[in-house]
Amino acid sequence: MQTYRGSCHCGAIRFEIDTELTQATRCTCSLCSRKNALMHRVPPERFHLLEGKESLALYQWNTGTAKHYFCKTCGIYPFHMPRAAPDHYSVNVACLDGVDISTLKINVFDGKAFSLETE
């Protein structure tokens, strides 16, 4: 297991995750499609917010279960707690330092269909 450090663009939000990073997920829901993020899920004990709790803005929609966090200053989306697993963190892999995304297996989650099931 490796520790990865991440942040938003301006550095107000800093975090670490402990994981084996071999894959990431692209979700097809309307929000994820627009932000074009690659996500990697970790349990809460492997996610550590180091700085910036006061800099986080929360966005919720549809059922209100998922918690999407953004930096109030730069607008970058570093992580969320997904509706499919609200007790986990899904981290935006593009916010992690030193990760070569081209080496990861990219999975696709049909979030568009998942969203339609509960509307």
C-alpha atoms as a PDB file:
ATOM      1  CA  MET A   1       0.000   0.000   0.000  1.00  0.00           C
ATOM      2  CA  GLN A   2       1.229   3.488  -0.852  1.00  0.00           C
ATOM      3  CA  THR A   3       0.387   6.938   0.511  1.00  0.00           C
ATOM      4  CA  TYR A   4      -0.602   9.541  -2.075  1.00  0.00           C
ATOM      5  CA  ARG A   5      -0.854  13.255  -1.331  1.00  0.00           C
ATOM      6  CA  GLY A   6      -3.375  15.427  -3.096  1.00  0.00           C
ATOM      7  CA  SER A   7      -4.724  18.941  -3.157  1.00  0.00           C
ATOM      8  CA  CYS A   8      -6.956  21.376  -4.952  1.00  0.00           C
ATOM      9  CA  HIS A   9      -5.314  23.794  -7.406  1.00  0.00           C
ATOM     10  CA  CYS A  10      -4.649  26.633  -4.948  1.00  0.00           C
ATOM     11  CA  GLY A  11      -3.484  24.290  -2.168  1.00  0.00           C
ATOM     12  CA  ALA A  12      -6.105  25.342   0.387  1.00  0.00           C
ATOM     13  CA  ILE A  13      -7.349  21.735   0.566  1.00  0.00           C
ATOM     14  CA  ARG A  14      -4.734  19.030   1.184  1.00  0.00           C
ATOM     15  CA  PHE A  15      -5.325  15.355   1.813  1.00  0.00           C
ATOM     16  CA  GLU A  16      -3.711  11.924   1.752  1.00  0.00           C
ATOM     17  CA  ILE A  17      -4.983   8.494   0.805  1.00  0.00           C
ATOM     18  CA  ASP A  18      -3.470   5.084   1.523  1.00  0.00           C
ATOM     19  CA  THR A  19      -4.217   2.692  -1.329  1.00  0.00           C
ATOM     20  CA  GLU A  20      -3.031   0.486  -4.156  1.00  0.00           C
ATOM     21  CA  LEU A  21      -3.726   2.769  -7.103  1.00  0.00           C
ATOM     22  CA  THR A  22      -4.020   0.555 -10.159  1.00  0.00           C
ATOM     23  CA  GLN A  23      -7.431   1.631 -11.415  1.00  0.00           C
ATOM     24  CA  ALA A  24      -9.823   4.563 -11.524  1.00  0.00           C
ATOM     25  CA  THR A  25     -13.467   5.007 -12.430  1.00  0.00           C
ATOM     26  CA  ARG A  26     -15.187   7.382 -14.817  1.00  0.00           C
ATOM     27  CA  CYS A  27     -18.869   7.891 -13.972  1.00  0.00           C
ATOM     28  CA  THR A  28     -21.439   8.736 -16.661  1.00  0.00           C
ATOM     29  CA  CYS A  29     -23.919  10.668 -14.480  1.00  0.00           C
ATOM     30  CA  SER A  30     -24.681  14.258 -15.501  1.00  0.00           C
ATOM     31  CA  LEU A  31     -22.405  15.807 -12.848  1.00  0.00           C
ATOM     32  CA  CYS A  32     -19.402  13.521 -13.288  1.00  0.00           C
ATOM     33  CA  SER A  33     -19.623  13.745 -17.086  1.00  0.00           C
ATOM     34  CA  ARG A  34     -19.412  17.521 -16.905  1.00  0.00           C
ATOM     35  CA  LYS A  35     -16.485  17.615 -14.466  1.00  0.00           C
ATOM     36  CA  ASN A  36     -14.688  14.780 -16.328  1.00  0.00           C
ATOM     37  CA  ALA A  37     -12.972  13.448 -13.204  1.00  0.00           C
ATOM     38  CA  LEU A  38     -11.383  10.051 -12.733  1.00  0.00           C
ATOM     39  CA  MET A  39     -12.256   8.710  -9.303  1.00  0.00           C
ATOM     40  CA  HIS A  40     -10.607   6.231  -6.963  1.00  0.00           C
ATOM     41  CA  ARG A  41     -12.568   5.033  -3.919  1.00  0.00           C
ATOM     42  CA  VAL A  42     -11.086   4.487  -0.469  1.00  0.00           C
ATOM     43  CA  PRO A  43     -12.648   3.660   2.910  1.00  0.00           C
ATOM     44  CA  PRO A  44     -12.694   6.497   5.469  1.00  0.00           C
ATOM     45  CA  GLU A  45      -9.800   5.082   7.496  1.00  0.00           C
ATOM     46  CA  ARG A  46      -7.568   5.457   4.420  1.00  0.00           C
ATOM     47  CA  PHE A  47      -8.540   9.096   3.735  1.00  0.00           C
ATOM     48  CA  HIS A  48      -6.963  11.914   5.743  1.00  0.00           C
ATOM     49  CA  LEU A  49      -7.936  15.563   5.306  1.00  0.00           C
ATOM     50  CA  LEU A  50      -4.751  17.419   6.259  1.00  0.00           C
ATOM     51  CA  GLU A  51      -5.821  21.021   5.645  1.00  0.00           C
ATOM     52  CA  GLY A  52      -8.737  23.035   4.388  1.00  0.00           C
ATOM     53  CA  LYS A  53     -11.945  21.848   6.014  1.00  0.00           C
ATOM     54  CA  GLU A  54     -13.044  25.502   6.149  1.00  0.00           C
ATOM     55  CA  SER A  55     -12.271  25.878   2.419  1.00  0.00           C
ATOM     56  CA  LEU A  56     -14.634  23.091   1.343  1.00  0.00           C
ATOM     57  CA  ALA A  57     -17.954  23.867  -0.294  1.00  0.00           C
ATOM     58  CA  LEU A  58     -20.624  21.139  -0.483  1.00  0.00           C
ATOM     59  CA  TYR A  59     -22.847  20.430  -3.481  1.00  0.00           C
ATOM     60  CA  GLN A  60     -25.716  17.926  -3.361  1.00  0.00           C
ATOM     61  CA  TRP A  61     -28.429  17.118  -5.882  1.00  0.00           C
ATOM     62  CA  ASN A  62     -30.987  14.432  -6.844  1.00  0.00           C
ATOM     63  CA  THR A  63     -31.420  12.279  -3.693  1.00  0.00           C
ATOM     64  CA  GLY A  64     -29.000  14.411  -1.622  1.00  0.00           C
ATOM     65  CA  THR A  65     -27.098  11.299  -0.518  1.00  0.00           C
ATOM     66  CA  ALA A  66     -23.823  12.006  -2.305  1.00  0.00           C
ATOM     67  CA  LYS A  67     -21.629  14.784  -0.950  1.00  0.00           C
ATOM     68  CA  HIS A  68     -19.562  16.541  -3.628  1.00  0.00           C
ATOM     69  CA  TYR A  69     -16.836  18.803  -2.239  1.00  0.00           C
ATOM     70  CA  PHE A  70     -15.239  21.752  -4.039  1.00  0.00           C
ATOM     71  CA  CYS A  71     -12.650  24.329  -3.042  1.00  0.00           C
ATOM     72  CA  LYS A  72     -14.310  27.698  -2.288  1.00  0.00           C
ATOM     73  CA  THR A  73     -11.261  29.514  -3.679  1.00  0.00           C
ATOM     74  CA  CYS A  74     -10.188  27.739  -6.885  1.00  0.00           C
ATOM     75  CA  GLY A  75     -13.311  25.641  -7.597  1.00  0.00           C
ATOM     76  CA  ILE A  76     -11.445  22.355  -8.001  1.00  0.00           C
ATOM     77  CA  TYR A  77     -13.259  19.150  -7.089  1.00  0.00           C
ATOM     78  CA  PRO A  78     -10.868  17.000  -5.006  1.00  0.00           C
ATOM     79  CA  PHE A  79     -13.223  14.320  -3.638  1.00  0.00           C
ATOM     80  CA  HIS A  80     -16.767  13.276  -2.838  1.00  0.00           C
ATOM     81  CA  MET A  81     -18.708  10.697  -0.872  1.00  0.00           C
ATOM     82  CA  PRO A  82     -20.701   8.842  -3.548  1.00  0.00           C
ATOM     83  CA  ARG A  83     -24.320   7.824  -3.354  1.00  0.00           C
ATOM     84  CA  ALA A  84     -23.364   4.260  -4.309  1.00  0.00           C
ATOM     85  CA  ALA A  85     -21.046   4.091  -1.257  1.00  0.00           C
ATOM     86  CA  PRO A  86     -21.782   7.085   1.011  1.00  0.00           C
ATOM     87  CA  ASP A  87     -19.447   5.827   3.734  1.00  0.00           C
ATOM     88  CA  HIS A  88     -16.394   5.970   1.384  1.00  0.00           C
ATOM     89  CA  TYR A  89     -14.401   8.726  -0.279  1.00  0.00           C
ATOM     90  CA  SER A  90     -13.986   8.912  -4.033  1.00  0.00           C
ATOM     91  CA  VAL A  91     -10.885  10.951  -4.743  1.00  0.00           C
ATOM     92  CA  ASN A  92     -10.259  12.811  -7.993  1.00  0.00           C
ATOM     93  CA  VAL A  93      -7.103  11.076  -9.250  1.00  0.00           C
ATOM     94  CA  ALA A  94      -6.108  14.231 -11.165  1.00  0.00           C
ATOM     95  CA  CYS A  95      -5.667  15.959  -7.774  1.00  0.00           C
ATOM     96  CA  LEU A  96      -3.073  13.414  -6.604  1.00  0.00           C
ATOM     97  CA  ASP A  97       0.615  14.302  -6.854  1.00  0.00           C
ATOM     98  CA  GLY A  98       2.818  12.197  -9.129  1.00  0.00           C
ATOM     99  CA  VAL A  99       0.199   9.867 -10.599  1.00  0.00           C
ATOM    100  CA  ASP A 100       0.566   8.856 -14.248  1.00  0.00           C
ATOM    101  CA  ILE A 101      -3.065   8.356 -15.273  1.00  0.00           C
ATOM    102  CA  SER A 102      -2.002   6.496 -18.437  1.00  0.00           C
ATOM    103  CA  THR A 103      -0.867   3.537 -16.271  1.00  0.00           C
ATOM    104  CA  LEU A 104      -4.281   3.046 -14.647  1.00  0.00           C
ATOM    105  CA  LYS A 105      -7.058   0.711 -15.709  1.00  0.00           C
ATOM    106  CA  ILE A 106     -10.097   2.934 -16.311  1.00  0.00           C
ATOM    107  CA  ASN A 107     -13.488   1.475 -15.392  1.00  0.00           C
ATOM    108  CA  VAL A 108     -16.804   3.034 -16.379  1.00  0.00           C
ATOM    109  CA  PHE A 109     -19.711   3.253 -13.935  1.00  0.00           C
ATOM    110  CA  ASP A 110     -23.126   3.790 -15.560  1.00  0.00           C
ATOM    111  CA  GLY A 111     -24.116   6.602 -13.218  1.00  0.00           C
ATOM    112  CA  LYS A 112     -26.614   7.885 -15.767  1.00  0.00           C
ATOM    113  CA  ALA A 113     -28.715   4.723 -15.411  1.00  0.00           C
ATOM    114  CA  PHE A 114     -28.119   4.645 -11.642  1.00  0.00           C
ATOM    115  CA  SER A 115     -29.474   8.223 -11.380  1.00  0.00           C
ATOM    116  CA  LEU A 116     -32.570   7.398 -13.423  1.00  0.00           C
ATOM    117  CA  GLU A 117     -33.458   4.532 -11.088  1.00  0.00           C
ATOM    118  CA  THR A 118     -34.165   6.936  -8.219  1.00  0.00           C
ATOM    119  CA  GLU A 119     -35.584  10.045  -9.883  1.00  0.00           C
END
